Protein backbone atom coordinates (compact mmCIF):
# COMPACT_ATOMS: atom_id res chain seq x y z
CA MET A 1 21.05 0.81 -0.36
CA ALA A 2 23.39 3.71 -1.04
CA LEU A 3 24.24 5.32 -4.37
CA HIS A 4 27.47 7.16 -5.17
CA LEU A 5 27.01 10.01 -7.64
CA THR A 6 30.37 9.72 -9.34
CA GLU A 7 30.72 13.16 -10.98
CA SER A 8 29.96 15.13 -7.80
CA ASP A 9 31.31 12.64 -5.22
CA ALA A 10 27.95 12.69 -3.44
CA LEU A 11 26.45 9.79 -1.53
CA PHE A 12 22.72 9.09 -1.35
CA VAL A 13 21.79 6.81 1.56
CA HIS A 14 18.43 5.04 1.26
CA THR A 15 16.40 5.08 4.44
CA PRO A 16 13.93 2.19 3.97
CA LYS A 17 10.34 3.20 3.16
CA CYS A 18 11.43 6.78 2.43
CA GLY A 19 11.38 7.01 -1.36
CA GLY A 20 14.78 5.61 -2.27
CA HIS A 21 13.53 3.92 -5.41
CA PHE A 22 12.07 7.25 -6.56
CA VAL A 23 15.44 8.93 -6.06
CA GLU A 24 17.11 6.25 -8.18
CA SER A 25 14.48 6.70 -10.90
CA VAL A 26 15.26 10.45 -10.91
CA LEU A 27 18.98 9.78 -11.35
CA LYS A 28 18.24 7.48 -14.28
CA HIS A 29 15.79 9.94 -15.87
CA PHE A 30 18.28 12.81 -15.83
CA ASN A 31 21.23 10.60 -16.85
CA ILE A 32 23.13 11.24 -13.64
CA ALA A 33 25.96 8.74 -13.37
CA TYR A 34 26.01 6.66 -10.19
CA THR A 35 27.27 3.36 -8.83
CA ARG A 36 26.30 1.24 -5.87
CA ALA A 37 28.24 2.64 -2.94
CA GLU A 38 31.19 0.68 -1.61
CA LEU A 39 30.81 -0.71 1.90
CA VAL A 40 33.66 -0.23 4.38
CA ASN A 41 32.32 -2.70 6.99
CA ASP A 42 30.08 -5.75 7.22
CA ALA A 43 26.78 -3.88 7.14
CA CYS A 44 23.92 -5.05 4.94
CA PRO A 45 24.15 -3.29 1.54
CA ARG A 46 20.36 -2.87 1.44
CA HIS A 47 20.06 -1.11 4.78
CA GLY A 48 23.42 0.47 5.55
CA ARG A 49 23.86 3.87 7.15
CA ALA A 50 26.11 6.68 5.97
CA ARG A 51 28.92 5.49 8.26
CA ASP A 52 28.84 2.04 6.62
CA TYR A 53 30.03 3.37 3.24
CA LYS A 54 33.16 4.91 1.81
CA PRO A 55 33.17 8.64 2.75
CA ALA A 56 32.02 11.17 0.16
CA ALA A 57 32.27 14.94 -0.16
CA PHE A 58 28.52 15.34 0.35
CA THR A 59 25.99 12.90 1.84
CA PHE A 60 22.22 13.15 1.67
CA THR A 61 19.16 11.02 2.38
CA THR A 62 15.37 11.20 2.44
CA SER A 63 13.23 10.71 5.51
CA ARG A 64 9.66 11.15 6.71
CA THR A 65 7.83 11.95 9.93
CA LEU A 66 7.99 9.29 12.61
CA HIS A 67 4.30 8.32 12.49
CA ALA A 68 4.27 8.23 8.68
CA TRP A 69 7.38 6.03 8.63
CA MET A 70 5.93 3.62 11.21
CA ARG A 71 2.74 3.34 9.19
CA SER A 72 4.60 2.67 5.94
CA TYR A 73 6.90 0.16 7.62
CA TYR A 74 3.94 -1.58 9.26
CA CYS A 75 1.93 -1.87 6.03
CA PHE A 76 4.93 -3.15 4.10
CA HIS A 77 5.68 -5.89 6.60
CA MET A 78 2.05 -6.84 7.02
CA LYS A 79 2.13 -7.41 3.29
CA MET A 80 5.47 -9.22 3.31
CA GLY A 81 5.26 -11.02 6.64
CA HIS A 82 4.85 -14.42 5.00
CA ASN A 83 8.07 -13.94 3.02
CA LYS A 84 10.51 -15.40 5.53
CA LYS A 85 13.57 -14.34 3.53
CA ILE A 86 13.21 -10.70 4.55
CA TRP A 87 13.39 -11.68 8.21
CA ASN A 88 16.55 -13.74 7.94
CA GLU A 89 19.07 -11.17 6.75
CA ASN A 90 22.23 -10.76 8.79
CA THR A 91 21.63 -7.11 9.60
CA ASP A 92 20.47 -4.85 12.40
CA TYR A 93 17.52 -3.63 10.35
CA PRO A 94 14.79 -3.00 12.95
CA HIS A 95 12.66 -6.02 12.06
CA ARG A 96 14.79 -7.85 14.64
CA VAL A 97 12.81 -5.95 17.26
CA LEU A 98 9.65 -4.81 15.46
CA GLY A 99 8.53 -8.16 14.04
CA PRO A 100 7.46 -10.74 13.17
CA PRO A 101 4.87 -11.34 14.34
CA MET A 102 3.55 -7.83 13.91
CA LYS A 103 1.64 -6.40 16.82
CA PRO A 104 -1.81 -4.87 16.33
CA TRP A 105 -1.38 -1.40 14.88
CA GLN A 106 -2.60 0.36 18.02
CA ASP A 107 -0.01 -1.48 20.12
CA PHE A 108 2.73 -1.13 17.52
CA VAL A 109 2.43 2.63 17.14
CA ARG A 110 2.26 3.08 20.95
CA THR A 111 5.03 0.73 22.12
CA GLU A 112 7.63 0.91 19.32
CA VAL A 113 8.07 4.68 19.13
CA GLU A 114 11.45 4.62 20.85
CA THR A 115 12.87 1.87 18.62
CA ALA A 116 11.60 3.55 15.45
CA THR A 117 12.96 6.94 16.55
CA GLU A 118 16.41 5.52 17.26
CA TYR A 119 16.43 3.79 13.89
CA LEU A 120 15.45 6.87 11.90
CA ASN A 121 18.01 8.96 13.78
CA SER A 122 20.75 6.43 13.05
CA MET A 123 19.84 6.40 9.35
CA THR A 124 20.04 10.17 8.99
CA GLU A 125 23.08 10.62 11.25
CA GLY A 126 26.12 11.84 9.38
CA CYS A 127 24.19 13.13 6.37
CA ASP A 128 24.79 16.70 5.25
CA ARG A 129 21.20 17.05 4.03
CA VAL A 130 17.99 15.27 5.01
CA ILE A 131 15.15 15.74 2.50
CA ASP A 132 11.63 15.42 3.85
CA LEU A 133 9.62 12.94 1.81
CA GLY A 134 6.61 15.27 1.93
CA ASP A 135 8.62 17.83 -0.07
CA ILE A 136 10.87 15.48 -2.00
CA ILE A 137 10.44 17.22 -5.38
CA ASN A 138 11.63 20.61 -4.14
CA GLY A 139 14.27 19.15 -1.84
CA LEU A 140 15.78 16.78 -4.37
CA THR A 141 15.73 19.41 -7.13
CA ASP A 142 17.58 21.83 -4.86
CA VAL A 143 20.22 19.29 -3.82
CA LEU A 144 20.95 18.03 -7.34
CA GLN A 145 21.15 21.52 -8.83
CA LYS A 146 23.56 22.63 -6.08
CA LEU A 147 25.66 19.54 -6.85
CA GLY A 148 26.01 20.85 -10.40
CA TYR A 149 23.37 18.87 -12.28
CA ALA A 150 21.83 21.76 -14.20
CA GLN A 151 19.69 19.39 -16.29
CA VAL A 152 17.48 18.60 -13.31
CA ASP A 153 14.10 20.22 -13.89
CA HIS A 154 11.43 20.51 -11.19
CA ALA A 155 8.49 19.99 -13.55
CA ALA A 156 10.03 16.94 -15.22
CA MET A 157 10.76 15.36 -11.86
CA ASP A 158 7.22 16.07 -10.68
CA ALA A 159 5.86 14.12 -13.67
CA LEU A 160 7.79 10.94 -12.82
CA PRO A 161 5.72 8.08 -11.38
CA VAL A 162 6.24 6.93 -7.81
CA SER A 163 8.48 3.86 -7.82
CA ASN A 164 7.98 0.72 -5.77
CA PRO A 165 4.81 1.77 -3.90
CA THR A 166 3.66 -0.36 -0.98
CA HIS A 167 0.32 -1.98 -1.76
CA LEU A 168 -1.32 -3.68 1.19
CA LEU A 169 -3.78 -6.37 0.11
CA VAL A 170 -5.80 -8.13 2.81
CA GLU A 171 -7.95 -11.26 2.88
CA LEU A 172 -10.53 -11.35 5.65
CA GLY A 173 -11.05 -14.87 6.97
CA GLY A 174 -8.64 -16.81 4.75
CA GLY A 175 -8.68 -19.77 7.15
CA THR A 176 -5.95 -22.33 7.71
CA ARG A 177 -4.56 -22.49 4.19
CA ALA A 178 -1.01 -21.21 4.10
CA ARG A 179 -1.68 -18.79 1.24
CA PRO A 180 -5.43 -18.63 0.70
CA ARG A 181 -5.56 -15.76 -1.80
CA GLU A 182 -2.35 -15.43 -3.80
CA ASP A 183 0.97 -14.58 -2.23
CA LEU A 184 0.31 -10.84 -2.29
CA PHE A 185 -2.59 -10.97 0.18
CA ALA A 186 -2.09 -10.93 3.94
CA ASN A 187 -4.53 -13.32 5.62
CA ILE A 188 -6.20 -12.11 8.83
CA ASP A 189 -8.19 -14.76 10.72
CA LEU A 190 -8.46 -16.35 14.15
CA VAL A 191 -6.15 -19.27 13.32
CA PRO A 192 -2.40 -19.71 13.98
CA GLU A 193 -1.75 -20.25 10.26
CA ALA A 194 -2.90 -16.72 9.38
CA ASP A 195 -0.43 -13.94 8.68
CA PHE A 196 -2.26 -12.01 11.37
CA GLU A 197 -4.18 -13.93 14.04
CA TRP A 198 -7.25 -11.87 14.84
CA ASN A 199 -10.91 -12.27 15.78
CA LEU A 200 -12.82 -10.49 13.00
CA ASP A 201 -15.72 -9.81 15.36
CA VAL A 202 -13.40 -7.47 17.26
CA VAL A 203 -12.99 -3.94 15.90
CA PRO A 204 -10.98 -1.94 15.17
CA TYR A 205 -8.95 -4.28 12.97
CA PRO A 206 -5.17 -4.06 13.42
CA PHE A 207 -4.52 -1.77 10.44
CA PRO A 208 -4.05 1.99 10.23
CA ALA A 209 -6.84 4.04 8.69
CA GLN A 210 -6.62 4.39 4.90
CA SER A 211 -3.76 1.88 4.59
CA VAL A 212 -5.30 -1.02 2.61
CA ASP A 213 -5.42 -1.05 -1.20
CA GLU A 214 -7.62 -4.10 -1.75
CA ILE A 215 -9.73 -6.52 0.31
CA TYR A 216 -10.95 -9.99 -0.56
CA SER A 217 -13.22 -12.18 1.55
CA SER A 218 -14.79 -15.51 0.63
CA HIS A 219 -17.54 -17.10 2.76
CA CYS A 220 -16.50 -15.31 5.93
CA LEU A 221 -18.99 -12.53 6.69
CA GLU A 222 -21.89 -14.94 7.22
CA HIS A 223 -19.97 -16.33 10.23
CA LEU A 224 -19.57 -12.95 11.96
CA GLU A 225 -21.78 -11.42 14.61
CA CYS A 226 -22.36 -8.14 12.77
CA PRO A 227 -21.45 -8.00 9.05
CA HIS A 228 -22.53 -4.37 8.86
CA ARG A 229 -19.91 -3.47 11.47
CA THR A 230 -17.38 -5.28 9.29
CA PHE A 231 -18.41 -3.19 6.29
CA GLN A 232 -17.88 -0.04 8.35
CA GLU A 233 -14.44 -1.22 9.44
CA ILE A 234 -13.52 -2.00 5.84
CA THR A 235 -14.21 1.62 4.90
CA ARG A 236 -12.01 2.81 7.77
CA ILE A 237 -8.92 0.82 6.82
CA CYS A 238 -9.24 1.13 3.02
CA LYS A 239 -7.95 3.93 0.86
CA VAL A 240 -10.38 5.79 -1.38
CA GLY A 241 -10.58 3.82 -4.63
CA ALA A 242 -9.73 0.48 -3.00
CA ARG A 243 -11.37 -2.60 -4.51
CA VAL A 244 -13.38 -4.82 -2.13
CA GLU A 245 -14.62 -8.25 -3.22
CA ILE A 246 -16.98 -10.05 -0.85
CA ARG A 247 -18.29 -13.59 -1.53
CA VAL A 248 -21.09 -15.05 0.59
CA PRO A 249 -23.62 -17.88 0.14
CA HIS A 250 -26.50 -17.02 -2.17
CA PRO A 251 -29.61 -16.49 0.02
CA ALA A 252 -31.61 -19.04 -2.03
CA SER A 253 -28.89 -21.67 -1.75
CA HIS A 254 -29.31 -24.71 0.45
CA MET A 255 -25.95 -23.66 1.98
CA ALA A 256 -27.21 -20.21 3.04
CA MET A 257 -28.06 -21.20 6.62
CA VAL A 258 -26.07 -24.15 7.86
CA ALA A 259 -24.25 -24.79 11.13
CA GLY A 260 -21.91 -21.91 11.91
CA HIS A 261 -23.68 -19.38 9.70
CA LYS A 262 -25.19 -16.46 11.62
CA HIS A 263 -26.48 -14.26 8.79
CA VAL A 264 -27.67 -14.22 5.19
CA LEU A 265 -26.45 -11.31 3.09
CA SER A 266 -28.97 -10.80 0.32
CA PRO A 267 -28.45 -8.75 -2.84
CA LEU A 268 -31.36 -6.50 -1.84
CA MET A 269 -29.79 -5.82 1.55
CA VAL A 270 -26.50 -4.81 -0.10
CA GLU A 271 -28.21 -2.72 -2.78
CA ASN A 272 -30.20 -0.88 -0.11
CA MET A 273 -27.02 -0.29 1.87
CA THR A 274 -25.00 1.11 -1.02
CA ASP A 275 -27.46 2.46 -3.58
CA HIS A 276 -30.89 3.20 -2.13
CA PHE A 277 -30.40 4.26 1.49
CA PRO A 278 -26.69 5.05 1.98
CA GLU A 279 -27.51 7.84 4.43
CA LEU A 280 -28.81 5.20 6.85
CA HIS A 281 -25.75 2.98 6.63
CA TRP A 282 -22.64 5.13 6.16
CA LYS A 283 -21.78 7.62 8.89
CA GLY A 284 -18.01 7.93 8.38
CA PRO A 285 -15.92 9.80 5.83
CA ARG A 286 -15.93 6.86 3.38
CA ARG A 287 -18.48 4.38 2.10
CA LEU A 288 -18.75 1.33 -0.15
CA VAL A 289 -20.27 1.71 -3.62
CA LEU A 290 -21.50 -1.48 -5.30
CA GLU A 291 -19.87 -1.89 -8.73
CA SER A 292 -21.05 -5.34 -9.71
CA LEU A 293 -23.06 -8.32 -8.49
CA THR A 294 -22.61 -11.74 -10.03
CA TYR A 295 -23.27 -15.31 -8.97
CA GLY A 296 -21.28 -18.54 -8.82
CA PRO A 297 -23.12 -21.67 -10.09
CA THR A 298 -23.90 -24.96 -8.44
CA GLY A 299 -24.36 -28.27 -10.24
CA TRP A 300 -28.11 -27.63 -10.21
CA LEU A 301 -27.83 -24.83 -12.78
CA GLN A 302 -27.46 -27.12 -15.78
CA ARG A 303 -30.11 -29.48 -14.46
CA ALA A 304 -32.60 -26.62 -14.08
CA LYS A 305 -31.93 -25.45 -17.66
CA GLU A 306 -32.57 -28.97 -18.95
CA GLU A 307 -35.75 -29.63 -16.96
CA LEU A 308 -37.44 -26.20 -16.98
CA PRO A 309 -38.32 -25.16 -20.54
CA PHE A 310 -39.34 -21.63 -19.50
CA LEU A 311 -35.68 -20.93 -18.68
CA HIS A 312 -34.62 -21.29 -22.31
CA GLY A 313 -33.25 -18.03 -23.63
CA LEU A 314 -32.33 -16.67 -20.21
CA ASP A 315 -28.67 -16.10 -19.38
CA ASP A 316 -27.09 -18.00 -16.51
CA GLN A 317 -26.76 -14.95 -14.23
CA THR A 318 -30.49 -14.23 -14.46
CA ILE A 319 -31.35 -17.84 -13.70
CA MET A 320 -29.00 -17.96 -10.72
CA ARG A 321 -30.48 -14.81 -9.28
CA TRP A 322 -34.03 -16.13 -9.20
CA ILE A 323 -34.03 -19.96 -9.20
CA PRO A 324 -33.21 -21.51 -5.80
CA ASN A 325 -30.11 -23.70 -5.50
CA THR A 326 -28.76 -22.84 -8.98
CA ALA A 327 -26.32 -20.35 -7.42
CA HIS A 328 -23.77 -21.25 -4.80
CA GLU A 329 -22.62 -17.73 -3.94
CA SER A 330 -23.20 -14.03 -4.43
CA ILE A 331 -20.12 -12.08 -5.50
CA PHE A 332 -20.16 -8.40 -4.59
CA VAL A 333 -17.49 -6.03 -5.89
CA PHE A 334 -17.31 -2.59 -4.28
CA ARG A 335 -15.17 0.52 -4.54
CA VAL A 336 -14.39 2.67 -1.54
CA ALA A 337 -15.53 6.24 -2.15
CA GLU A 338 -15.79 9.51 -0.30
CA ASN A 339 -19.03 9.70 1.64
CA VAL A 340 -20.90 12.74 0.36
């Protein structure tokens, strides 16, 4: 994407995953006239470089450090890897080399440095000014004011929301279903159908630290060798404030220990881990805080209410907590917090 600022004959070239949508929101906010830049060759209009567009008097772009760009690119395409349309564009955008399938993060960041460096260099080549994304407010204010847009105010720009953020949502153990948890979740499991084929007993998981916005897992942790290790890994890959929903068989359910299940995760165990003895369980910079605990019913719930008079007046959640086989699953909802 490139934008031509018509009054100043300036060209903004959008380096992918470097804040281009924010720049466009700034132009709209300050009523700066622009049009989509005119291509002069057969490059993709979404990912063209400065040389692919009609020349302008001044050309600028935004960029970020190499490692930060690789992380943002990786998280975006882990999220979007199931969307085959983004991989089929007739362009030299680096996904031709970098994926899919995406490599584990540790391998990706080690082996693809040269490709990523060449790509970032080609995107910024020919630009008169490259604005660092870490200082985009100051840099963009300076550029626009020098171009003659006196209405651009630093404080007003600073108050604008970030546009088009990358939210990485992950399902642990989604199984063989093509899209087990809505289209926005990337499924990681040891099956070819998963977005990311991975053995969840093996840590670290193939995600950068503090890159995941939300995690969902349904009837997976009871199959793993060490659920507590999984909890620790969740805190590593999640951002502070991330929502984590974990569903496991209720310990008093007849499905709690069946073939293939290696553990029972009881409410008391989770409450001890997060509320009563966190200093024994959380050694890293982040921890899980239990926000809610609810239960999913079995067909026995209604039968128990009909046949056991002493249950009359009790709500379903209380009954499912204490009466065996009335609850199918325990549903834990956590937030990732700083470990203090």
